[in-house]
C-alpha atoms as a PDB file:
ATOM      1  CA  MET A   1     158.549 117.180 105.094  1.00  0.00           C
ATOM      2  CA  SER A   2     156.939 119.638 107.502  1.00  0.00           C
ATOM      3  CA  ASP A   3     154.642 122.525 106.655  1.00  0.00           C
ATOM      4  CA  LEU A   4     157.009 125.340 105.692  1.00  0.00           C
ATOM      5  CA  ALA A   5     155.922 128.950 105.353  1.00  0.00           C
ATOM      6  CA  PRO A   6     156.708 130.663 102.045  1.00  0.00           C
ATOM      7  CA  PRO A   7     159.953 132.674 102.067  1.00  0.00           C
ATOM      8  CA  LEU A   8     159.624 136.288 103.141  1.00  0.00           C
ATOM      9  CA  ASP A   9     160.479 139.102 100.779  1.00  0.00           C
ATOM     10  CA  ARG A  10     162.904 141.899 101.642  1.00  0.00           C
ATOM     11  CA  GLU A  11     160.299 144.252 103.083  1.00  0.00           C
ATOM     12  CA  ALA A  12     158.829 141.548 105.322  1.00  0.00           C
ATOM     13  CA  LYS A  13     162.322 140.585 106.551  1.00  0.00           C
ATOM     14  CA  ARG A  14     162.990 144.203 107.509  1.00  0.00           C
ATOM     15  CA  ARG A  15     159.731 144.391 109.460  1.00  0.00           C
ATOM     16  CA  LEU A  16     160.549 141.149 111.236  1.00  0.00           C
ATOM     17  CA  ALA A  17     164.003 142.486 112.130  1.00  0.00           C
ATOM     18  CA  VAL A  18     162.439 145.581 113.718  1.00  0.00           C
ATOM     19  CA  ILE A  19     159.962 143.491 115.735  1.00  0.00           C
ATOM     20  CA  ARG A  20     162.687 141.080 116.876  1.00  0.00           C
ATOM     21  CA  HIS A  21     164.952 143.981 117.842  1.00  0.00           C
ATOM     22  CA  VAL A  22     162.259 145.268 120.192  1.00  0.00           C
ATOM     23  CA  GLU A  23     161.561 141.819 121.641  1.00  0.00           C
ATOM     24  CA  GLU A  24     165.132 140.495 121.980  1.00  0.00           C
ATOM     25  CA  VAL A  25     167.542 143.424 122.083  1.00  0.00           C
ATOM     26  CA  SER A  26     166.199 146.711 123.358  1.00  0.00           C
ATOM     27  CA  GLY A  27     162.742 146.084 124.763  1.00  0.00           C
ATOM     28  CA  ASN A  28     162.037 149.765 124.001  1.00  0.00           C
ATOM     29  CA  VAL A  29     159.751 150.539 121.047  1.00  0.00           C
ATOM     30  CA  ALA A  30     160.530 154.268 120.836  1.00  0.00           C
ATOM     31  CA  MET A  31     164.321 153.770 120.744  1.00  0.00           C
ATOM     32  CA  THR A  32     164.086 150.954 118.202  1.00  0.00           C
ATOM     33  CA  CYS A  33     161.838 153.017 115.925  1.00  0.00           C
ATOM     34  CA  ARG A  34     164.247 155.938 116.132  1.00  0.00           C
ATOM     35  CA  TYR A  35     167.166 153.595 115.355  1.00  0.00           C
ATOM     36  CA  PHE A  36     165.440 152.072 112.292  1.00  0.00           C
ATOM     37  CA  GLY A  37     163.942 155.390 111.149  1.00  0.00           C
ATOM     38  CA  ILE A  38     160.262 154.446 111.298  1.00  0.00           C
ATOM     39  CA  SER A  39     157.316 155.843 113.213  1.00  0.00           C
ATOM     40  CA  ARG A  40     155.873 154.122 116.246  1.00  0.00           C
ATOM     41  CA  GLN A  41     152.478 153.988 114.531  1.00  0.00           C
ATOM     42  CA  ALA A  42     154.053 152.006 111.677  1.00  0.00           C
ATOM     43  CA  TYR A  43     155.695 149.643 114.182  1.00  0.00           C
ATOM     44  CA  TYR A  44     152.424 148.961 115.983  1.00  0.00           C
ATOM     45  CA  ILE A  45     150.589 148.371 112.677  1.00  0.00           C
ATOM     46  CA  TRP A  46     153.278 145.854 111.689  1.00  0.00           C
ATOM     47  CA  TYR A  47     153.239 144.263 115.144  1.00  0.00           C
ATOM     48  CA  ARG A  48     149.442 143.771 115.197  1.00  0.00           C
ATOM     49  CA  ARG A  49     149.530 142.328 111.656  1.00  0.00           C
ATOM     50  CA  TYR A  50     152.448 140.066 112.657  1.00  0.00           C
ATOM     51  CA  GLN A  51     150.452 138.687 115.585  1.00  0.00           C
ATOM     52  CA  ALA A  52     147.312 138.186 113.508  1.00  0.00           C
ATOM     53  CA  GLU A  53     148.502 136.873 110.143  1.00  0.00           C
ATOM     54  CA  GLY A  54     152.274 137.020 109.801  1.00  0.00           C
ATOM     55  CA  LEU A  55     154.350 139.538 107.887  1.00  0.00           C
ATOM     56  CA  ARG A  56     153.734 138.591 104.270  1.00  0.00           C
ATOM     57  CA  THR A  57     153.639 141.668 102.075  1.00  0.00           C
ATOM     58  CA  ARG A  58     150.078 142.263 100.965  1.00  0.00           C
ATOM     59  CA  SER A  59     149.025 143.477  97.548  1.00  0.00           C
ATOM     60  CA  LYS A  60     148.904 147.232  97.036  1.00  0.00           C
ATOM     61  CA  ARG A  61     146.152 146.826  94.457  1.00  0.00           C
ATOM     62  CA  PRO A  62     142.970 148.704  95.416  1.00  0.00           C
ATOM     63  CA  LYS A  63     140.038 146.591  96.533  1.00  0.00           C
ATOM     64  CA  THR A  64     137.611 148.625  94.414  1.00  0.00           C
ATOM     65  CA  SER A  65     137.906 150.824  91.340  1.00  0.00           C
ATOM     66  CA  PRO A  66     135.010 153.288  91.518  1.00  0.00           C
ATOM     67  CA  ASN A  67     135.916 154.994  88.222  1.00  0.00           C
ATOM     68  CA  ALA A  68     136.163 151.786  86.206  1.00  0.00           C
ATOM     69  CA  THR A  69     134.071 151.486  83.036  1.00  0.00           C
ATOM     70  CA  HIS A  70     130.864 149.540  83.655  1.00  0.00           C
ATOM     71  CA  VAL A  71     130.516 146.041  82.232  1.00  0.00           C
ATOM     72  CA  GLU A  72     127.449 147.040  80.167  1.00  0.00           C
ATOM     73  CA  VAL A  73     129.426 149.829  78.456  1.00  0.00           C
ATOM     74  CA  ALA A  74     132.297 147.452  77.688  1.00  0.00           C
ATOM     75  CA  GLY A  75     129.775 145.012  76.225  1.00  0.00           C
ATOM     76  CA  LYS A  76     128.394 147.729  73.941  1.00  0.00           C
ATOM     77  CA  ILE A  77     131.932 148.631  72.836  1.00  0.00           C
ATOM     78  CA  ILE A  78     132.651 144.992  71.993  1.00  0.00           C
ATOM     79  CA  TYR A  79     129.355 144.674  70.106  1.00  0.00           C
ATOM     80  CA  LEU A  80     130.022 147.802  68.002  1.00  0.00           C
ATOM     81  CA  ARG A  81     133.553 146.635  67.230  1.00  0.00           C
ATOM     82  CA  GLN A  82     132.571 143.095  66.220  1.00  0.00           C
ATOM     83  CA  HIS A  83     129.365 143.801  64.301  1.00  0.00           C
ATOM     84  CA  HIS A  84     129.959 147.247  62.793  1.00  0.00           C
ATOM     85  CA  HIS A  85     133.797 147.314  62.685  1.00  0.00           C
ATOM     86  CA  PHE A  86     133.865 150.810  64.191  1.00  0.00           C
ATOM     87  CA  GLY A  87     137.060 152.426  65.414  1.00  0.00           C
ATOM     88  CA  PRO A  88     137.448 154.035  68.857  1.00  0.00           C
ATOM     89  CA  GLU A  89     136.294 157.495  67.764  1.00  0.00           C
ATOM     90  CA  LYS A  90     133.168 156.232  66.024  1.00  0.00           C
ATOM     91  CA  ILE A  91     132.363 153.911  68.952  1.00  0.00           C
ATOM     92  CA  ALA A  92     132.643 156.821  71.409  1.00  0.00           C
ATOM     93  CA  MET A  93     130.426 158.986  69.191  1.00  0.00           C
ATOM     94  CA  SER A  94     127.849 156.207  68.774  1.00  0.00           C
ATOM     95  CA  LEU A  95     127.693 155.539  72.530  1.00  0.00           C
ATOM     96  CA  LYS A  96     127.195 159.236  73.218  1.00  0.00           C
ATOM     97  CA  ARG A  97     124.525 159.694  70.533  1.00  0.00           C
ATOM     98  CA  TYR A  98     122.447 156.544  70.912  1.00  0.00           C
ATOM     99  CA  HIS A  99     123.103 155.333  74.472  1.00  0.00           C
ATOM    100  CA  ASP A 100     123.854 158.598  76.318  1.00  0.00           C
ATOM    101  CA  VAL A 101     127.165 157.180  77.563  1.00  0.00           C
ATOM    102  CA  THR A 102     130.147 159.528  77.636  1.00  0.00           C
ATOM    103  CA  ILE A 103     133.515 157.842  77.212  1.00  0.00           C
ATOM    104  CA  SER A 104     136.646 159.166  75.543  1.00  0.00           C
ATOM    105  CA  LYS A 105     138.061 157.605  72.408  1.00  0.00           C
ATOM    106  CA  SER A 106     141.244 156.810  74.334  1.00  0.00           C
ATOM    107  CA  GLY A 107     139.126 155.021  76.963  1.00  0.00           C
ATOM    108  CA  VAL A 108     137.483 152.980  74.210  1.00  0.00           C
ATOM    109  CA  TRP A 109     140.915 152.194  72.766  1.00  0.00           C
ATOM    110  CA  ARG A 110     142.216 151.013  76.149  1.00  0.00           C
ATOM    111  CA  ILE A 111     139.239 148.672  76.554  1.00  0.00           C
ATOM    112  CA  LEU A 112     139.702 147.290  73.041  1.00  0.00           C
ATOM    113  CA  LYS A 113     143.441 146.846  73.577  1.00  0.00           C
ATOM    114  CA  ARG A 114     142.898 145.070  76.905  1.00  0.00           C
ATOM    115  CA  LEU A 115     140.566 142.604  75.154  1.00  0.00           C
ATOM    116  CA  ASP A 116     143.021 142.033  72.256  1.00  0.00           C
ATOM    117  CA  MET A 117     140.690 143.755  69.808  1.00  0.00           C
ATOM    118  CA  GLY A 118     143.092 146.606  69.061  1.00  0.00           C
ATOM    119  CA  ARG A 119     143.329 146.081  65.310  1.00  0.00           C
ATOM    120  CA  LEU A 120     140.691 144.804  62.960  1.00  0.00           C
ATOM    121  CA  PRO A 121     141.567 141.899  60.685  1.00  0.00           C
ATOM    122  CA  ALA A 122     142.849 142.971  57.262  1.00  0.00           C
ATOM    123  CA  SER A 123     139.590 141.960  55.597  1.00  0.00           C
ATOM    124  CA  GLN A 124     137.601 144.352  57.810  1.00  0.00           C
ATOM    125  CA  ARG A 125     139.890 147.385  57.698  1.00  0.00           C
ATOM    126  CA  TYR A 126     139.012 150.488  55.717  1.00  0.00           C
ATOM    127  CA  LYS A 127     140.444 150.501  52.225  1.00  0.00           C
ATOM    128  CA  ARG A 128     141.024 153.716  50.319  1.00  0.00           C
ATOM    129  CA  HIS A 129     138.689 154.281  47.356  1.00  0.00           C
ATOM    130  CA  ASP A 130     141.469 154.515  44.806  1.00  0.00           C
ATOM    131  CA  ARG A 131     142.841 151.121  45.877  1.00  0.00           C
ATOM    132  CA  ARG A 132     139.627 149.168  46.265  1.00  0.00           C
ATOM    133  CA  TRP A 133     139.164 147.959  42.696  1.00  0.00           C
ATOM    134  CA  LYS A 134     141.678 147.288  39.980  1.00  0.00           C
ATOM    135  CA  ARG A 135     140.752 145.984  36.555  1.00  0.00           C
ATOM    136  CA  ASN A 136     143.164 144.745  33.944  1.00  0.00           C
ATOM    137  CA  GLY A 137     146.105 146.239  35.805  1.00  0.00           C
ATOM    138  CA  SER A 138     145.186 149.803  34.770  1.00  0.00           C
ATOM    139  CA  SER A 139     144.474 152.513  37.313  1.00  0.00           C
ATOM    140  CA  CYS A 140     142.137 154.451  35.009  1.00  0.00           C
ATOM    141  CA  PRO A 141     138.666 152.868  34.703  1.00  0.00           C
ATOM    142  CA  ALA A 142     138.023 154.408  31.255  1.00  0.00           C
ATOM    143  CA  THR A 143     141.013 152.686  29.656  1.00  0.00           C
ATOM    144  CA  ALA A 144     140.581 149.407  31.483  1.00  0.00           C
ATOM    145  CA  SER A 145     137.538 148.240  29.545  1.00  0.00           C
ATOM    146  CA  ARG A 146     138.511 149.709  26.148  1.00  0.00           C
ATOM    147  CA  PRO A 147     139.315 147.079  23.515  1.00  0.00           C
ATOM    148  CA  THR A 148     142.750 147.247  21.938  1.00  0.00           C
END
């Protein structure tokens, strides 16, 4: 089998149709752009990209995220979660107080959720005081140890 290019998506096929219309049908860029409802600048961007690398649709994901949380801060969040079992609000407060890092509790929650640390295991969750200890099936501690 020969080296086949991957199939083009719908957007790339449309761009190729516009370029081929100029080359094979009209020969006039301005008229073709008016016919297809695109700007000439867009056509020339597509045409230069087509000549250089083909018309595959490129990712729209940004190359950089300048407002992303730093790796050191995420490491501190993970440490506080694993070793102290803090929730998002307490982690945010601790980072602000002891490390001078300002991050919202929702930002902490998003980081924890992304790392699959959203919920603590049942053994590490907070238990209400009235449900922590039960002796002899009685809820009142004074009657639980009284002999019958």
